[in-house]
Protein backbone atom coordinates (compact mmCIF):
# COMPACT_ATOMS: atom_id res chain seq x y z
CA MET A 1 -31.37 -55.51 14.45
CA GLN A 2 -28.57 -53.38 15.58
CA GLU A 3 -26.24 -54.77 13.26
CA THR A 4 -28.58 -53.70 10.59
CA LYS A 5 -29.27 -50.02 12.02
CA ARG A 6 -25.70 -50.06 12.24
CA LYS A 7 -25.26 -50.67 8.32
CA THR A 8 -27.55 -47.98 7.57
CA GLU A 9 -26.30 -45.34 9.15
CA ASP A 10 -22.48 -46.25 7.55
CA ALA A 11 -24.70 -45.80 4.15
CA VAL A 12 -22.81 -43.18 1.66
CA ARG A 13 -24.61 -41.23 -1.11
CA ILE A 14 -23.20 -42.29 -4.34
CA ASN A 15 -21.84 -39.12 -5.02
CA LYS A 16 -20.19 -38.29 -1.62
CA TYR A 17 -18.70 -41.96 -2.01
CA LEU A 18 -17.27 -41.31 -5.84
CA SER A 19 -15.74 -37.85 -4.55
CA GLN A 20 -14.02 -39.96 -1.00
CA ALA A 21 -12.43 -42.63 -3.43
CA GLY A 22 -10.69 -39.85 -5.39
CA ILE A 23 -12.82 -39.83 -8.76
CA CYS A 24 -14.34 -36.31 -8.99
CA SER A 25 -15.90 -33.78 -7.23
CA ARG A 26 -19.79 -34.81 -5.96
CA ARG A 27 -21.51 -32.20 -8.23
CA GLN A 28 -19.29 -33.95 -10.97
CA ALA A 29 -20.23 -37.50 -9.66
CA ASP A 30 -23.65 -36.27 -10.10
CA THR A 31 -23.43 -35.95 -13.74
CA TYR A 32 -21.56 -38.98 -13.83
CA VAL A 33 -24.77 -40.70 -12.27
CA GLU A 34 -27.14 -38.62 -14.87
CA GLU A 35 -25.17 -40.31 -17.37
CA GLY A 36 -25.34 -43.88 -16.44
CA ARG A 37 -22.36 -44.37 -16.28
CA VAL A 38 -22.00 -45.55 -12.33
CA GLU A 39 -23.23 -48.55 -10.95
CA VAL A 40 -23.90 -50.28 -7.76
CA ASP A 41 -23.62 -54.26 -6.96
CA GLY A 42 -24.80 -54.36 -11.01
CA GLU A 43 -27.24 -51.93 -11.13
CA VAL A 44 -26.86 -48.89 -12.94
CA ALA A 45 -26.81 -46.01 -9.86
CA VAL A 46 -29.58 -42.93 -9.62
CA SER A 47 -29.04 -39.57 -7.83
CA GLY A 48 -29.57 -40.15 -4.03
CA THR A 49 -28.21 -43.82 -4.23
CA LYS A 50 -26.80 -45.04 -1.07
CA VAL A 51 -24.24 -47.40 -1.26
CA LEU A 52 -23.32 -50.01 2.08
CA PRO A 53 -20.70 -51.25 3.29
CA GLY A 54 -19.42 -54.56 1.71
CA GLN A 55 -21.40 -53.08 -2.05
CA SER A 56 -19.08 -53.03 -4.85
CA VAL A 57 -19.34 -49.77 -7.12
CA THR A 58 -18.01 -49.66 -10.69
CA PHE A 59 -16.88 -46.62 -13.12
CA ASP A 60 -17.33 -47.10 -16.63
CA GLY A 61 -16.83 -50.58 -15.79
CA LYS A 62 -14.38 -50.31 -13.36
CA PRO A 63 -14.69 -50.67 -9.70
CA VAL A 64 -14.03 -48.25 -7.40
CA LYS A 65 -12.94 -48.13 -3.49
CA ILE A 66 -12.63 -45.53 -1.22
CA GLN A 67 -8.70 -46.37 0.50
CA GLU A 68 -9.40 -47.18 4.19
CA ASP A 69 -5.87 -45.50 4.84
CA LEU A 70 -6.01 -41.80 4.25
CA ILE A 71 -2.70 -40.29 2.85
CA PHE A 72 -1.95 -36.67 3.10
CA LEU A 73 1.98 -35.35 2.23
CA ALA A 74 3.06 -31.73 1.81
CA PHE A 75 5.85 -31.73 -0.70
CA HIS A 76 8.42 -29.28 -1.90
CA LYS A 77 7.84 -28.61 -5.78
CA PRO A 78 11.01 -27.59 -7.29
CA ARG A 79 10.62 -24.95 -10.19
CA GLY A 80 9.54 -27.27 -13.46
CA ILE A 81 7.67 -29.68 -11.86
CA VAL A 82 3.89 -29.63 -13.31
CA CYS A 83 0.80 -29.93 -10.80
CA THR A 84 -0.77 -32.51 -12.68
CA ALA A 85 -1.79 -35.71 -12.64
CA SER A 86 -1.61 -36.58 -16.26
CA LYS A 87 0.76 -38.89 -17.60
CA GLU A 88 1.04 -37.23 -20.98
CA GLU A 89 2.73 -33.97 -19.14
CA LYS A 90 6.50 -35.53 -19.04
CA ASP A 91 6.96 -33.43 -15.97
CA ASN A 92 3.77 -34.24 -13.97
CA ILE A 93 4.24 -34.19 -10.08
CA ILE A 94 2.87 -37.59 -10.05
CA ASP A 95 5.73 -39.57 -11.77
CA TYR A 96 8.32 -37.41 -9.84
CA ILE A 97 7.13 -37.96 -6.29
CA ASN A 98 6.97 -41.98 -7.52
CA TYR A 99 4.46 -42.67 -4.33
CA PRO A 100 3.38 -46.09 -4.20
CA THR A 101 -0.33 -45.66 -4.01
CA ARG A 102 -2.71 -43.49 -5.83
CA ILE A 103 -2.22 -39.66 -4.94
CA TYR A 104 -3.41 -36.46 -6.61
CA PRO A 105 -2.20 -32.67 -5.82
CA ILE A 106 -4.61 -30.48 -3.91
CA GLY A 107 -4.94 -27.25 -6.56
CA ARG A 108 -1.89 -25.92 -8.17
CA LEU A 109 1.42 -24.41 -7.82
CA ASP A 110 2.34 -23.15 -11.43
CA LYS A 111 5.39 -24.69 -13.35
CA ASP A 112 8.09 -21.91 -12.74
CA SER A 113 6.88 -21.60 -8.87
CA GLN A 114 8.29 -23.97 -6.40
CA GLY A 115 7.18 -24.67 -2.42
CA LEU A 116 4.42 -26.59 -0.63
CA ILE A 117 1.48 -28.14 -2.26
CA LEU A 118 -0.57 -30.98 -0.76
CA LEU A 119 -1.07 -34.00 -2.14
CA THR A 120 -3.79 -36.92 -0.88
CA ASN A 121 -6.03 -39.69 -1.88
CA ASP A 122 -8.86 -38.09 -0.27
CA GLY A 123 -11.54 -36.71 -2.64
CA GLU A 124 -13.61 -34.79 -0.04
CA ALA A 125 -10.96 -33.30 1.78
CA ALA A 126 -8.85 -31.92 -1.46
CA ASN A 127 -12.20 -30.59 -2.77
CA GLN A 128 -13.24 -28.77 0.39
CA ILE A 129 -9.40 -27.28 0.42
CA MET A 130 -9.86 -26.07 -3.13
CA LYS A 131 -13.06 -24.40 -3.01
CA ALA A 132 -12.57 -21.10 -3.07
CA ARG A 133 -15.63 -19.50 -0.90
CA ASN A 134 -13.89 -20.99 1.94
CA TYR A 135 -11.52 -18.42 2.30
CA HIS A 136 -8.19 -20.80 2.89
CA GLU A 137 -5.11 -19.10 3.37
CA LYS A 138 -1.76 -19.77 1.74
CA GLU A 139 1.22 -17.84 2.11
CA TYR A 140 4.14 -16.88 -0.34
CA GLU A 141 7.18 -15.33 -0.33
CA VAL A 142 8.18 -13.39 -3.43
CA THR A 143 10.73 -11.94 -5.24
CA VAL A 144 10.48 -9.22 -7.92
CA ASN A 145 12.97 -7.78 -10.40
CA LYS A 146 13.21 -4.05 -9.12
CA ARG A 147 12.94 -2.27 -5.64
CA ILE A 148 9.83 -2.28 -3.97
CA THR A 149 7.71 0.64 -2.91
CA ASN A 150 5.76 1.63 -0.40
CA GLU A 151 2.84 2.59 -2.52
CA PHE A 152 3.26 -0.96 -4.21
CA ILE A 153 2.78 -2.49 -1.12
CA HIS A 154 -0.21 -0.88 -0.38
CA ASP A 155 -1.50 -1.29 -3.75
CA MET A 156 -1.29 -5.20 -3.97
CA ARG A 157 -3.45 -4.90 -0.68
CA ASN A 158 -6.08 -3.90 -2.18
CA PRO A 159 -8.35 -5.69 -4.98
CA VAL A 160 -5.99 -5.79 -8.35
CA PRO A 161 -8.04 -6.20 -11.53
CA LEU A 162 -6.98 -8.67 -13.72
CA ASP A 163 -7.86 -8.08 -17.12
CA GLU A 164 -6.81 -11.00 -18.67
CA ILE A 165 -8.63 -13.52 -16.82
CA ASN A 166 -11.65 -11.04 -15.96
CA ALA A 167 -11.22 -11.02 -12.36
CA VAL A 168 -10.51 -8.92 -9.73
CA THR A 169 -8.44 -10.06 -6.69
CA ARG A 170 -9.70 -10.12 -2.99
CA ARG A 171 -7.94 -8.09 -0.41
CA CYS A 172 -4.85 -10.04 1.04
CA LYS A 173 -1.64 -9.45 3.65
CA VAL A 174 1.12 -8.40 2.04
CA ILE A 175 4.31 -7.55 4.06
CA LYS A 176 7.68 -5.83 2.86
CA GLU A 177 10.91 -8.10 3.20
CA GLY A 178 13.26 -6.75 1.63
CA PRO A 179 14.59 -4.13 -0.96
CA ASN A 180 12.90 -6.87 -3.73
CA GLU A 181 11.00 -9.03 -1.39
CA PHE A 182 7.87 -9.48 0.22
CA ARG A 183 4.95 -11.99 1.66
CA ILE A 184 1.77 -12.35 0.97
CA ILE A 185 -0.97 -14.21 2.10
CA LEU A 186 -4.29 -15.08 -0.16
CA THR A 187 -7.37 -16.58 0.33
CA GLN A 188 -7.99 -17.26 -3.44
CA GLY A 189 -6.43 -18.93 -6.32
CA LEU A 190 -6.95 -17.49 -9.43
CA ASN A 191 -4.82 -18.46 -12.60
CA ARG A 192 -1.10 -16.76 -11.72
CA GLN A 193 -2.58 -14.92 -9.44
CA ILE A 194 0.69 -13.11 -7.97
CA ARG A 195 2.16 -13.03 -11.03
CA ARG A 196 -0.40 -11.25 -12.60
CA MET A 197 -1.06 -8.76 -9.75
CA CYS A 198 2.78 -7.53 -10.06
CA GLU A 199 3.12 -7.11 -13.82
CA HIS A 200 -0.07 -5.08 -12.94
CA PHE A 201 1.87 -2.67 -11.48
CA GLY A 202 5.17 -2.48 -13.96
CA TYR A 203 6.87 -5.61 -11.13
CA ARG A 204 8.05 -9.24 -12.86
CA VAL A 205 8.59 -11.96 -10.35
CA THR A 206 11.81 -13.51 -10.42
CA LYS A 207 11.31 -16.16 -7.62
CA LEU A 208 7.79 -17.49 -5.96
CA LYS A 209 7.43 -19.56 -3.30
CA ARG A 210 4.38 -21.16 -1.30
CA VAL A 211 5.31 -21.41 2.26
CA ARG A 212 1.84 -22.56 4.17
CA VAL A 213 -1.07 -23.74 3.12
CA MET A 214 -3.88 -23.25 6.00
CA ASN A 215 -2.13 -24.91 9.00
CA ILE A 216 0.03 -26.82 7.13
CA LYS A 217 3.89 -24.84 6.68
CA LEU A 218 6.72 -25.92 4.14
CA GLY A 219 9.31 -25.44 6.97
CA ASP A 220 12.86 -26.78 6.39
CA LEU A 221 11.39 -29.19 4.03
CA LYS A 222 14.23 -29.64 1.00
CA GLU A 223 13.21 -28.91 -2.61
CA GLY A 224 12.02 -32.42 -4.17
CA ARG A 225 11.34 -34.14 -0.92
CA TYR A 226 7.90 -34.54 0.80
CA ARG A 227 6.78 -35.74 4.13
CA LYS A 228 3.71 -37.14 5.54
CA LEU A 229 1.66 -34.78 7.68
CA THR A 230 2.03 -35.08 11.54
CA PRO A 231 -1.23 -36.21 13.60
CA ASP A 232 -1.64 -32.91 14.86
CA GLU A 233 -1.58 -30.84 11.67
CA LEU A 234 -4.26 -33.42 10.32
CA ARG A 235 -6.20 -33.05 13.50
CA GLU A 236 -6.23 -29.25 13.12
CA LEU A 237 -6.84 -29.55 9.38
CA LYS A 238 -9.63 -31.84 9.30
CA LYS A 239 -11.00 -29.53 12.70
CA GLU A 240 -11.17 -26.38 10.38
CA LEU A 241 -12.51 -28.60 7.47
CA LYS A 242 -15.37 -29.75 9.60
CA SER A 243 -16.32 -26.55 10.95
CA GLU A 244 -16.85 -25.16 7.31
């Protein structure tokens, strides 16, 4: 009786299972289930299907398993590397790192930028970190092509219209660090956001480095190298994600 109760408590909804396995987001998983592409123990899953320990799950006929050992890496991405797992991109981040088990990047850092990007096999955590509505901080060091004015710093802190992508930025923290350098902390990740913001005010970014994602700092990690997150970093990261 106790064993049956434990198994029932360990059951995971099919959309969460696919997300934790790194297949897709929960929302996308719901679509795959509706399309009949997911099976549990050989039977087509439906919305709300729960997966019990020991059951087999397939997506498009291929086995899907949640990896027991969760992986979280901090990587110092060099310029020229593309944050995609697609093998069609010759400079993709996965081939560059060549990690022995399946991982994928959390979010993006554009090809011309360098700095910290996280990689994991935990689909659920990756989706939470990437959701803009969660206001997770990302910090960058930026160099531009001409002298920075106080007016520029003031304007960058306030909402900036980005007509090319039909968006307006959130208020953010901007600190002048040198004649041509500033530090910026964003809580959203619009396409090429910092570069577009600077261009709006007549500046061009010459160097952009991300130095922090939430509580994870780049520190002295050398370009092109990666490291596993420390137990303390993981504990704090998961604590913040659980509070949302």
